[in-house]
Protein backbone atom coordinates (compact mmCIF):
# COMPACT_ATOMS: atom_id res chain seq x y z
CA MET A 1 17.75 -18.04 17.37
CA THR A 2 19.07 -18.19 21.18
CA HIS A 3 15.80 -16.81 22.54
CA GLU A 4 13.42 -19.12 19.89
CA ARG A 5 15.10 -22.24 21.36
CA ALA A 6 14.59 -21.21 24.84
CA ALA A 7 10.88 -20.26 23.93
CA VAL A 8 10.74 -23.48 22.01
CA PRO A 9 13.24 -26.29 23.27
CA ASP A 10 11.36 -28.57 21.11
CA ARG A 11 11.25 -27.07 17.68
CA ASP A 12 13.45 -26.53 14.96
CA PRO A 13 15.20 -22.57 15.17
CA TYR A 14 15.85 -22.98 11.80
CA LEU A 15 12.66 -23.60 10.37
CA LEU A 16 11.08 -21.05 12.59
CA ALA A 17 13.70 -18.29 11.69
CA GLN A 18 12.70 -19.29 7.79
CA ILE A 19 8.96 -19.05 8.42
CA ARG A 20 9.90 -15.26 10.59
CA GLU A 21 12.39 -14.19 7.23
CA SER A 22 9.57 -14.91 5.20
CA PHE A 23 7.16 -13.23 7.02
CA GLY A 24 9.13 -10.20 7.27
CA ARG A 25 9.03 -9.98 3.31
CA VAL A 26 5.86 -10.48 3.02
CA VAL A 27 5.09 -7.38 5.54
CA TYR A 28 7.43 -5.36 3.41
CA GLY A 29 5.59 -6.17 0.13
CA HIS A 30 2.27 -5.81 1.69
CA LYS A 31 3.22 -2.42 2.72
CA THR A 32 5.04 -1.35 -0.48
CA HIS A 33 1.97 -1.89 -2.66
CA GLU A 34 0.10 0.08 0.33
CA LYS A 35 2.38 2.58 -1.01
CA GLN A 36 2.58 2.29 -4.25
CA ALA A 37 -1.12 2.17 -4.39
CA ASP A 38 -1.40 5.96 -2.70
CA ILE A 39 1.48 7.23 -4.36
CA CYS A 40 -1.29 6.22 -8.01
CA PHE A 41 -3.88 7.57 -6.52
CA THR A 42 -2.06 11.03 -5.87
CA LYS A 43 -1.78 11.31 -9.30
CA HIS A 44 -5.00 10.49 -10.09
CA ARG A 45 -6.04 13.01 -7.87
CA TRP A 46 -3.87 15.44 -9.53
CA GLN A 47 -4.12 14.23 -13.11
CA GLN A 48 -7.74 15.11 -12.92
CA GLY A 49 -7.68 18.23 -11.14
CA VAL A 50 -4.93 19.67 -13.77
CA LEU A 51 -7.63 18.31 -16.71
CA VAL A 52 -10.53 19.56 -14.77
CA VAL A 53 -8.55 23.40 -14.47
CA LEU A 54 -7.17 23.83 -17.80
CA THR A 55 -10.39 22.49 -19.50
CA ALA A 56 -12.15 25.12 -17.38
CA ILE A 57 -9.50 27.83 -18.31
CA SER A 58 -9.81 26.84 -22.05
CA SER A 59 -13.44 27.43 -22.11
CA GLY A 60 -12.97 30.67 -20.35
CA THR A 61 -10.20 31.88 -22.97
CA PHE A 62 -13.09 31.04 -25.50
CA LEU A 63 -15.64 32.40 -23.54
CA ALA A 64 -13.40 35.81 -23.77
CA ALA A 65 -12.30 35.43 -27.40
CA VAL A 66 -15.96 35.15 -28.59
CA ALA A 67 -16.90 38.46 -26.62
CA GLY A 68 -13.58 40.46 -28.12
CA LEU A 69 -12.18 40.74 -24.58
CA LEU A 70 -8.30 39.70 -24.87
CA GLY A 71 -7.55 42.39 -27.11
CA SER A 72 -5.31 40.93 -30.15
CA THR A 73 -7.06 38.65 -31.90
CA VAL A 74 -3.87 36.24 -32.70
CA LEU A 75 -2.55 36.53 -29.70
CA THR A 76 -6.31 34.86 -27.73
CA ALA A 77 -6.13 32.28 -30.86
CA LEU A 78 -2.86 30.85 -29.92
CA ALA A 79 -3.52 30.99 -26.32
CA THR A 80 -6.85 28.56 -27.04
CA SER A 81 -5.17 26.89 -28.85
CA PHE A 82 -2.00 25.99 -26.65
CA ILE A 83 -4.50 25.22 -24.22
CA ALA A 84 -6.41 23.06 -25.71
CA LEU A 85 -3.36 21.54 -27.06
CA LEU A 86 -2.73 20.49 -22.89
CA VAL A 87 -6.29 19.46 -22.60
CA SER A 88 -5.80 17.14 -25.43
CA TRP A 89 -2.24 15.97 -24.38
CA LEU A 90 -3.86 15.29 -20.80
CA SER A 91 -6.77 13.10 -22.11
CA LEU A 92 -4.49 11.26 -24.23
CA GLY A 93 -2.14 10.47 -20.94
CA ALA A 94 -5.34 9.87 -18.69
CA LYS A 95 -6.15 7.15 -21.09
CA THR A 96 -2.18 6.19 -21.56
CA PHE A 97 -1.54 6.39 -17.45
CA LYS A 98 -4.32 4.78 -16.03
CA PHE A 99 -3.35 6.10 -12.48
CA GLU A 100 -6.44 5.07 -11.26
CA GLU A 101 -6.83 1.25 -11.80
CA THR A 102 -2.82 0.94 -10.80
CA SER A 103 -3.74 1.92 -7.42
CA GLU A 104 -6.81 -0.40 -7.62
CA ALA A 105 -4.16 -3.38 -8.54
CA HIS A 106 -2.05 -2.60 -6.11
CA ARG A 107 -4.47 -2.12 -3.31
CA GLY A 108 -5.98 -5.31 -4.71
CA ILE A 109 -2.22 -7.18 -4.06
CA ALA A 110 -1.88 -5.64 -0.90
CA SER A 111 -4.97 -7.01 0.42
CA LYS A 112 -3.82 -10.42 -0.63
CA LEU A 113 -0.64 -10.00 0.88
CA TRP A 114 -2.26 -9.22 4.01
CA ASP A 115 -4.11 -12.16 4.14
CA VAL A 116 -0.57 -13.50 3.90
CA ARG A 117 1.10 -11.75 6.34
CA GLU A 118 -2.00 -12.62 8.74
CA SER A 119 -1.82 -16.40 8.23
CA TYR A 120 1.93 -15.94 8.97
CA ILE A 121 1.58 -14.34 12.63
CA SER A 122 -1.26 -17.10 13.24
CA LEU A 123 2.05 -19.60 12.12
CA ILE A 124 4.39 -18.12 14.31
CA ALA A 125 1.95 -18.21 17.65
CA ASP A 126 1.25 -21.59 17.04
CA MET A 127 4.82 -22.93 16.67
CA MET A 128 6.03 -20.78 19.62
CA SER A 129 3.65 -21.62 21.60
CA GLY A 130 3.93 -25.55 20.74
CA ASP A 131 0.30 -25.84 19.35
CA ILE A 132 1.97 -27.02 16.10
CA SER A 133 4.22 -30.27 14.82
CA ASP A 134 7.27 -29.04 12.87
CA THR A 135 5.63 -30.79 10.13
CA ASP A 136 2.43 -29.56 10.48
CA ALA A 137 3.99 -25.84 10.65
CA ARG A 138 6.14 -27.09 7.31
CA ALA A 139 2.89 -27.50 5.48
CA ARG A 140 1.30 -24.53 6.77
CA ARG A 141 4.66 -22.82 5.39
CA ASP A 142 4.84 -24.45 2.49
CA GLU A 143 0.70 -23.18 1.68
CA LEU A 144 1.57 -19.34 2.64
CA GLN A 145 4.93 -19.42 0.67
CA GLU A 146 2.08 -20.61 -2.50
CA SER A 147 0.02 -18.01 -1.84
CA ALA A 148 2.39 -15.16 -1.73
CA ARG A 149 3.72 -16.55 -4.79
CA ASP A 150 0.70 -16.27 -6.23
CA ALA A 151 0.20 -13.14 -4.98
CA TYR A 152 3.30 -11.75 -6.42
CA ALA A 153 2.71 -13.58 -9.74
CA GLU A 154 -0.16 -10.69 -10.31
CA ALA A 155 1.46 -7.83 -8.88
CA PRO A 156 2.64 -5.06 -11.10
CA ARG A 157 5.68 -3.00 -10.42
CA THR A 158 6.67 -1.21 -7.30
CA SER A 159 8.26 2.11 -7.64
CA ASP A 160 11.95 3.06 -5.45
CA MET A 161 10.25 5.18 -3.63
CA ALA A 162 7.08 3.02 -2.88
CA PHE A 163 10.03 0.92 -1.15
CA ARG A 164 11.13 3.56 0.64
CA ARG A 165 7.79 4.86 2.32
CA ALA A 166 7.33 1.51 3.03
CA GLN A 167 10.32 0.72 4.73
CA ASP A 168 9.81 4.62 6.68
CA GLY A 169 6.03 4.02 7.53
CA LEU A 170 7.67 0.18 9.34
CA LYS A 171 10.63 1.23 11.00
CA ASN A 172 10.55 4.86 12.04
CA ASN A 173 6.63 5.32 12.25
CA GLU A 174 6.19 1.81 13.48
CA GLU A 175 2.92 1.31 11.25
CA MET A 176 2.21 -2.24 11.85
CA THR A 177 2.81 -1.97 15.68
CA PHE A 178 1.00 -1.50 18.71
CA THR A 179 2.05 -1.42 22.25
CA ALA A 180 -0.02 -3.15 24.88
CA ARG A 181 -1.60 -0.08 26.14
CA GLU A 182 -2.74 0.87 22.54
CA ILE A 183 -4.40 -2.71 21.87
CA ASP A 184 -5.96 -2.06 25.39
CA LEU A 185 -7.67 0.99 24.58
CA LEU A 186 -9.32 -0.50 21.53
CA LEU A 187 -10.79 -3.06 22.91
CA PRO A 188 -13.92 -3.36 25.10
CA GLU A 189 -12.86 -3.37 29.17
CA ALA A 190 -13.42 -7.31 29.04
CA LEU A 191 -10.88 -8.15 26.80
CA ARG A 192 -7.99 -6.26 28.24
CA ILE A 193 -5.33 -7.31 29.41
CA ASP A 194 -3.93 -4.32 31.84
CA GLU A 195 -6.89 -2.24 32.69
CA GLY A 196 -5.35 -0.04 34.93
CA GLU A 197 -3.16 0.73 31.87
CA ALA A 198 -5.26 1.50 29.40
CA GLN A 199 -7.44 3.98 31.59
CA ALA A 200 -3.54 6.06 31.96
């Protein structure tokens, strides 16, 4: 708080603190929905992969039974029926647990929250540089809170696992941050701040 007052003496420090807090919550929301989308997509891929494998085994077992290669007809019939039951169960599960659709829904919410997140960064930068009045900052804050609320209203629930992965990504893997050197390496030479460092 002292740093914020020193950096922007004419600013309402409580307003900036509140906007920074809201920004942090949106960052976590965005990253959690991204991680939940990844979890759901992985489940979808497993679901489809197992279904393909069981369907192939079922077809092979049926062909072997027709050719009389498995010996006991009773065991062959039981094995074929069991595998057919598993295929039916997985097919019904795929219609009930729509992991691909859920993954897309989470990606859509993450996309909306990304826009809110970036707008918060712009607002914080404008406030700290003194380019926006407190009155205008409050109006912009209210707009961003409404945008975040609208996004969350449409959002499917996330899991504890997704939150833990988001927390690990943000805190330990620095998934949202870059060093000055990393940013310089992404930019054309004319836009780099420290060209010598970027080439090191």
